[in-house]
Amino acid sequence: MSTLPAHWDSLCQPQRGLDAFATSSVWAESARLAFAPEAMLITHPFEDAALACLAFVHEEGGPILTGLDIAWGYASCWVGAPSAPRLEEALAAVTARVPRWRFWVWTGLLDASPLPLLLRRKALASGWNFLPWNRSINRCTSVDGDIASWLARRSPASRRRFRRIDNTWQRLQDQGWTYDEQRPSALDVAGCAQRLWSVEAQSWKTLGGVGAYDGQMRRFCDEVLYRAARGGQLRVAFLRDPSGRDVAYYSGAVHHGAFRGLQMSYVSDAPVEGVGTLLHWLVVRSLCDDPELRLYDLGMEMPYKAGWAEQLVHYPAYVLVRNL
């Protein structure tokens, strides 16, 4: 169960200037448990806001504070409406717990967030430094409308490519291929996860000794799957060949009208080429058919995602440096 304040997830909303899904307990708590279980979790709730951060000791920099997903740096330390008095109170509470902290990394904030300005003012008043650190970029696309509307926003070359993919799917359906989309609950997520990991075990990533099949990544993915399923947010799609074998999967989670892509993989010996791309196309079609969804967030910017998503969303990160 989450150790975050009870109203944390209800405050993780896109319009509040943060990476809403990555800040929610589904992602952030999963990352904390998988990658930083030894770190101290510090929370400070208000009626309609809250702060949560991790404290750990760096071998060179001393005590450091970060968001909960230290492995990626997507999660915001703050949810809800910020104000100077609240920020002052929360920082004082954290400092009481970790008196010698020197660096505090703030991530998961949109450019429009009012929080960086408040932090900068606090730093100036206290004789600290507030510095830009790096910038995360996510690829997103609107799914508010049918697949024709989505295709209309693609280039002519991309439209031709997706029509070829769709024609391939029509032929494969005639041969007995199936698309199976699951929305598992907490009661049946175990079976869905077993299917997912079976595909992952046969993927080029696992066979090459990389990927999510073992270790901390496996725990993180399992935590995300079970937490998302418990909240009714999980979606997992499978592509099955005529023998009934799962040859590819795509997982994601719904959060406040947006679908966040999580993991995709396919078996290394798939009987046809391009099963990953084919499955992704079928997922996009399904998202466009869902009236409750308006946005598809593909996550971290990668070159291949440019053909699927037209929007770049920037999340600048900052470091609050306390002079001791």
Protein backbone atom coordinates (compact mmCIF):
# COMPACT_ATOMS: atom_id res chain seq x y z
CA MET A 1 0.00 0.00 0.00
CA SER A 2 1.09 3.61 -0.55
CA THR A 3 2.84 5.44 2.26
CA LEU A 4 2.06 8.79 0.63
CA PRO A 5 -0.62 11.12 2.03
CA ALA A 6 -4.13 9.78 1.40
CA HIS A 7 -5.10 12.61 -0.97
CA TRP A 8 -1.82 12.53 -2.95
CA ASP A 9 -3.16 10.81 -6.09
CA SER A 10 -6.27 13.00 -6.28
CA LEU A 11 -3.94 16.03 -6.47
CA CYS A 12 -1.81 14.57 -9.28
CA GLN A 13 -3.60 16.34 -12.10
CA PRO A 14 -2.09 17.54 -15.40
CA GLN A 15 -3.40 21.09 -15.08
CA ARG A 16 -1.38 21.56 -11.89
CA GLY A 17 1.89 21.93 -13.83
CA LEU A 18 3.47 18.54 -13.20
CA ASP A 19 3.99 15.12 -14.74
CA ALA A 20 0.77 13.84 -13.22
CA PHE A 21 1.11 10.11 -13.84
CA ALA A 22 4.79 9.86 -12.89
CA THR A 23 4.09 11.77 -9.69
CA SER A 24 1.18 9.48 -8.75
CA SER A 25 1.71 6.54 -6.42
CA VAL A 26 1.40 4.06 -9.30
CA TRP A 27 4.72 5.21 -10.74
CA ALA A 28 6.49 7.09 -7.93
CA GLU A 29 5.92 4.59 -5.12
CA SER A 30 6.81 1.71 -7.43
CA ALA A 31 10.08 3.41 -8.34
CA ARG A 32 10.89 4.15 -4.70
CA LEU A 33 10.36 0.56 -3.60
CA ALA A 34 12.32 -0.89 -6.53
CA PHE A 35 15.26 1.48 -6.76
CA ALA A 36 15.59 3.30 -3.43
CA PRO A 37 14.01 1.23 -0.65
CA GLU A 38 16.74 2.31 1.76
CA ALA A 39 16.11 6.05 1.29
CA MET A 40 14.14 8.00 3.91
CA LEU A 41 10.66 9.01 2.73
CA ILE A 42 9.58 12.41 4.07
CA THR A 43 6.04 13.70 3.61
CA HIS A 44 4.31 16.88 4.69
CA PRO A 45 0.59 17.13 3.85
CA PHE A 46 -1.71 20.14 3.72
CA GLU A 47 -5.47 20.10 3.24
CA ASP A 48 -5.25 20.52 -0.54
CA ALA A 49 -1.53 20.04 -1.21
CA ALA A 50 1.37 17.85 -0.09
CA LEU A 51 5.12 17.44 -0.30
CA ALA A 52 6.97 14.12 -0.54
CA CYS A 53 10.66 13.56 -1.13
CA LEU A 54 13.44 11.06 -0.58
CA ALA A 55 16.53 11.71 1.50
CA PHE A 56 19.71 9.73 1.04
CA VAL A 57 23.42 10.23 1.61
CA HIS A 58 25.59 10.65 -1.45
CA GLU A 59 29.19 9.54 -1.01
CA GLU A 60 30.49 12.92 -2.22
CA GLY A 61 27.68 15.43 -1.80
CA GLY A 62 26.35 14.48 1.63
CA PRO A 63 22.58 14.41 2.29
CA ILE A 64 20.59 14.88 -0.94
CA LEU A 65 16.83 15.25 -1.44
CA THR A 66 14.97 14.12 -4.59
CA GLY A 67 11.59 13.11 -5.88
CA LEU A 68 10.44 9.53 -5.34
CA ASP A 69 11.48 8.15 -8.74
CA ILE A 70 15.19 8.72 -8.38
CA ALA A 71 15.93 6.34 -11.29
CA TRP A 72 14.19 8.61 -13.84
CA GLY A 73 13.48 11.99 -12.33
CA TYR A 74 9.89 12.39 -13.58
CA ALA A 75 8.07 12.75 -10.25
CA SER A 76 7.37 16.09 -8.63
CA CYS A 77 8.02 16.54 -4.92
CA TRP A 78 4.95 18.78 -4.68
CA VAL A 79 1.28 18.23 -5.54
CA GLY A 80 -1.60 20.67 -5.15
CA ALA A 81 -1.62 24.43 -5.02
CA PRO A 82 1.73 25.93 -3.96
CA SER A 83 2.17 29.13 -2.00
CA ALA A 84 5.10 30.83 -0.32
CA PRO A 85 3.88 30.16 3.25
CA ARG A 86 3.18 26.49 2.51
CA LEU A 87 6.54 26.04 0.82
CA GLU A 88 8.28 27.70 3.76
CA GLU A 89 6.52 25.37 6.21
CA ALA A 90 7.27 22.26 4.16
CA LEU A 91 10.95 23.13 3.70
CA ALA A 92 11.26 23.77 7.43
CA ALA A 93 9.69 20.39 8.19
CA VAL A 94 12.09 18.60 5.83
CA THR A 95 15.08 20.47 7.23
CA ALA A 96 14.06 19.41 10.74
CA ARG A 97 14.26 15.79 9.57
CA VAL A 98 17.47 16.22 7.53
CA PRO A 99 19.31 19.22 9.05
CA ARG A 100 22.43 18.89 6.89
CA TRP A 101 20.90 18.53 3.44
CA ARG A 102 22.81 20.43 0.77
CA PHE A 103 21.16 19.59 -2.58
CA TRP A 104 17.49 19.18 -3.42
CA VAL A 105 16.62 18.08 -6.96
CA TRP A 106 13.18 19.22 -8.17
CA THR A 107 11.82 17.35 -11.20
CA GLY A 108 8.53 16.64 -13.00
CA LEU A 109 7.49 20.30 -13.34
CA LEU A 110 6.15 21.95 -16.47
CA ASP A 111 7.44 25.35 -17.59
CA ALA A 112 4.07 26.80 -16.55
CA SER A 113 4.35 25.59 -12.97
CA PRO A 114 4.45 28.41 -10.37
CA LEU A 115 6.69 26.31 -8.11
CA PRO A 116 10.12 27.20 -9.63
CA LEU A 117 9.45 30.92 -9.10
CA LEU A 118 8.56 30.31 -5.45
CA LEU A 119 11.66 28.18 -4.97
CA ARG A 120 13.84 30.83 -6.61
CA ARG A 121 12.44 33.50 -4.29
CA LYS A 122 13.04 31.27 -1.28
CA ALA A 123 16.63 30.67 -2.40
CA LEU A 124 17.30 34.41 -2.84
CA ALA A 125 15.84 35.21 0.57
CA SER A 126 17.90 32.48 2.24
CA GLY A 127 21.21 33.07 0.47
CA TRP A 128 20.93 29.73 -1.37
CA ASN A 129 21.29 28.95 -5.06
CA PHE A 130 18.50 27.76 -7.36
CA LEU A 131 19.99 26.37 -10.56
CA PRO A 132 18.68 24.74 -13.75
CA TRP A 133 19.73 21.11 -13.93
CA ASN A 134 18.44 19.24 -16.96
CA ARG A 135 15.23 18.83 -18.94
CA SER A 136 13.09 15.74 -19.56
CA ILE A 137 11.08 15.64 -22.79
CA ASN A 138 8.04 13.46 -23.40
CA ARG A 139 6.33 12.70 -26.70
CA CYS A 140 2.54 13.06 -26.65
CA THR A 141 -0.31 12.97 -29.13
CA SER A 142 -3.98 13.83 -28.97
CA VAL A 143 -6.39 10.88 -29.19
CA ASP A 144 -9.43 13.12 -28.80
CA GLY A 145 -11.23 12.01 -31.94
CA ASP A 146 -11.29 9.01 -34.25
CA ILE A 147 -8.32 7.40 -35.98
CA ALA A 148 -8.98 9.49 -39.10
CA SER A 149 -8.44 12.66 -37.05
CA TRP A 150 -5.22 11.22 -35.66
CA LEU A 151 -3.97 10.29 -39.14
CA ALA A 152 -4.78 13.77 -40.42
CA ARG A 153 -2.07 15.16 -38.13
CA ARG A 154 0.60 12.85 -39.60
CA SER A 155 2.74 13.61 -42.62
CA PRO A 156 1.70 12.16 -46.00
CA ALA A 157 4.54 9.63 -45.78
CA SER A 158 3.43 8.56 -42.31
CA ARG A 159 -0.18 8.23 -43.41
CA ARG A 160 0.87 5.92 -46.24
CA ARG A 161 2.98 3.89 -43.80
CA PHE A 162 0.11 3.45 -41.34
CA ARG A 163 -2.30 2.47 -44.11
CA ARG A 164 0.16 -0.25 -45.16
CA ILE A 165 0.31 -1.44 -41.56
CA ASP A 166 -3.48 -1.51 -41.41
CA ASN A 167 -3.67 -3.49 -44.65
CA THR A 168 -1.18 -5.98 -43.21
CA TRP A 169 -3.40 -6.36 -40.15
CA GLN A 170 -6.43 -7.10 -42.31
CA ARG A 171 -4.52 -9.92 -44.02
CA LEU A 172 -3.23 -11.31 -40.72
CA GLN A 173 -6.73 -11.32 -39.26
CA ASP A 174 -7.84 -13.47 -42.18
CA GLN A 175 -5.05 -15.88 -41.21
CA GLY A 176 -6.23 -16.12 -37.61
CA TRP A 177 -4.20 -13.43 -35.81
CA THR A 178 -5.99 -11.69 -32.92
CA TYR A 179 -5.69 -8.50 -30.88
CA ASP A 180 -6.50 -9.03 -27.22
CA GLU A 181 -6.89 -5.96 -25.00
CA GLN A 182 -7.08 -6.56 -21.24
CA ARG A 183 -8.22 -4.22 -18.47
CA PRO A 184 -7.30 -6.38 -15.50
CA SER A 185 -8.45 -5.74 -11.97
CA ALA A 186 -6.48 -6.56 -8.85
CA LEU A 187 -8.15 -10.00 -8.86
CA ASP A 188 -6.94 -11.06 -12.31
CA VAL A 189 -3.78 -9.02 -12.88
CA ALA A 190 -1.57 -12.01 -11.96
CA GLY A 191 -2.63 -13.95 -15.05
CA CYS A 192 -2.14 -10.92 -17.26
CA ALA A 193 1.32 -10.33 -15.78
CA GLN A 194 2.24 -13.97 -16.41
CA ARG A 195 1.39 -13.58 -20.10
CA LEU A 196 3.37 -10.35 -20.27
CA TRP A 197 6.48 -11.83 -18.69
CA SER A 198 6.27 -14.89 -20.92
CA VAL A 199 6.63 -12.60 -23.95
CA GLU A 200 9.40 -10.64 -22.23
CA ALA A 201 11.35 -13.83 -21.53
CA GLN A 202 11.46 -14.53 -25.29
CA SER A 203 12.34 -10.99 -26.36
CA TRP A 204 15.63 -9.88 -27.88
CA LYS A 205 16.18 -7.69 -24.82
CA THR A 206 16.06 -10.54 -22.33
CA LEU A 207 18.01 -12.89 -24.59
CA GLY A 208 20.65 -10.16 -24.89
CA GLY A 209 20.90 -9.74 -21.13
CA VAL A 210 19.14 -6.35 -20.95
CA GLY A 211 15.59 -5.22 -20.39
CA ALA A 212 13.08 -5.59 -17.58
CA TYR A 213 12.92 -9.34 -16.99
CA ASP A 214 15.11 -9.46 -13.86
CA GLY A 215 16.26 -7.43 -10.89
CA GLN A 216 15.10 -3.96 -9.94
CA MET A 217 13.32 -3.33 -13.26
CA ARG A 218 11.27 -6.50 -12.80
CA ARG A 219 10.17 -5.39 -9.34
CA PHE A 220 9.39 -1.89 -10.60
CA CYS A 221 7.26 -3.19 -13.48
CA ASP A 222 5.40 -5.62 -11.22
CA GLU A 223 4.69 -2.86 -8.70
CA VAL A 224 3.34 -0.62 -11.47
CA LEU A 225 1.17 -3.40 -12.89
CA TYR A 226 -0.41 -4.30 -9.57
CA ARG A 227 -0.91 -0.72 -8.39
CA ALA A 228 -2.44 0.36 -11.71
CA ALA A 229 -4.71 -2.70 -11.74
CA ARG A 230 -5.86 -2.00 -8.20
CA GLY A 231 -6.90 1.50 -9.27
CA GLY A 232 -8.64 0.31 -12.45
CA GLN A 233 -6.07 2.12 -14.58
CA LEU A 234 -4.14 -0.72 -16.21
CA ARG A 235 -4.42 -1.58 -19.91
CA VAL A 236 -2.44 -4.41 -21.50
CA ALA A 237 -2.74 -5.38 -25.17
CA PHE A 238 -1.49 -8.64 -26.66
CA LEU A 239 -0.94 -9.71 -30.25
CA ARG A 240 -1.54 -13.43 -30.76
CA ASP A 241 -0.57 -15.56 -33.75
CA PRO A 242 -2.90 -18.23 -35.24
CA SER A 243 -1.58 -20.86 -32.80
CA GLY A 244 -2.78 -18.73 -29.86
CA ARG A 245 0.74 -17.75 -28.80
CA ASP A 246 1.30 -14.24 -27.48
CA VAL A 247 4.02 -12.71 -29.65
CA ALA A 248 3.89 -9.08 -28.44
CA TYR A 249 2.45 -6.98 -25.65
CA TYR A 250 1.98 -3.31 -24.82
CA SER A 251 1.21 -2.04 -21.32
CA GLY A 252 0.05 1.36 -20.14
CA ALA A 253 -2.08 3.11 -17.56
CA VAL A 254 -4.90 5.66 -17.64
CA HIS A 255 -4.62 8.74 -15.43
CA HIS A 256 -7.00 11.73 -15.56
CA GLY A 257 -7.96 11.27 -19.21
CA ALA A 258 -4.46 10.48 -20.44
CA PHE A 259 -2.95 7.11 -21.35
CA ARG A 260 0.72 6.71 -20.39
CA GLY A 261 2.60 4.06 -22.34
CA LEU A 262 4.75 1.89 -20.09
CA GLN A 263 6.34 -1.13 -21.73
CA MET A 264 6.32 -2.88 -25.09
CA SER A 265 8.09 -6.04 -26.15
CA TYR A 266 7.83 -8.90 -28.61
CA VAL A 267 9.31 -12.36 -29.06
CA SER A 268 12.54 -12.62 -31.01
CA ASP A 269 11.20 -15.39 -33.29
CA ALA A 270 7.89 -13.80 -34.31
CA PRO A 271 6.54 -15.46 -37.47
CA VAL A 272 6.17 -12.10 -39.24
CA GLU A 273 8.26 -8.94 -39.15
CA GLY A 274 7.15 -5.73 -37.47
CA VAL A 275 4.86 -7.20 -34.80
CA GLY A 276 5.84 -4.44 -32.36
CA THR A 277 4.89 -1.69 -34.80
CA LEU A 278 1.71 -3.52 -35.71
CA LEU A 279 0.65 -3.85 -32.09
CA HIS A 280 1.41 -0.18 -31.45
CA TRP A 281 -0.85 0.78 -34.36
CA LEU A 282 -3.69 -1.31 -32.95
CA VAL A 283 -3.22 0.30 -29.53
CA VAL A 284 -3.44 3.79 -31.05
CA ARG A 285 -6.63 2.84 -32.87
CA SER A 286 -8.10 1.58 -29.61
CA LEU A 287 -7.13 4.76 -27.76
CA CYS A 288 -8.82 6.90 -30.41
CA ASP A 289 -11.99 4.84 -29.97
CA ASP A 290 -12.07 5.45 -26.21
CA PRO A 291 -14.26 8.53 -25.47
CA GLU A 292 -12.75 8.91 -21.99
CA LEU A 293 -9.24 9.54 -23.33
CA ARG A 294 -7.88 12.78 -24.78
CA LEU A 295 -4.10 12.28 -24.69
CA TYR A 296 -1.55 9.53 -25.31
CA ASP A 297 1.75 10.11 -23.53
CA LEU A 298 4.46 7.92 -25.05
CA GLY A 299 6.95 8.87 -22.34
CA MET A 300 10.58 9.79 -22.88
CA GLU A 301 11.48 11.28 -26.24
CA MET A 302 13.04 8.78 -28.66
CA PRO A 303 13.56 9.19 -32.42
CA TYR A 304 11.07 6.47 -33.42
CA LYS A 305 8.27 8.19 -31.48
CA ALA A 306 8.28 11.27 -33.75
CA GLY A 307 6.13 9.45 -36.30
CA TRP A 308 3.55 8.60 -33.64
CA ALA A 309 3.30 11.81 -31.65
CA GLU A 310 3.39 15.46 -32.68
CA GLN A 311 3.70 17.16 -29.28
CA LEU A 312 6.84 17.67 -27.20
CA VAL A 313 6.22 18.29 -23.49
CA HIS A 314 9.18 19.70 -21.55
CA TYR A 315 9.79 19.09 -17.86
CA PRO A 316 12.73 21.23 -16.70
CA ALA A 317 14.55 20.16 -13.55
CA TYR A 318 16.20 22.34 -10.94
CA VAL A 319 18.58 22.02 -8.02
CA LEU A 320 18.13 23.92 -4.79
CA VAL A 321 21.61 24.34 -3.27
CA ARG A 322 21.77 25.15 0.40
CA ASN A 323 24.95 26.84 1.56
CA LEU A 324 26.01 25.46 4.94
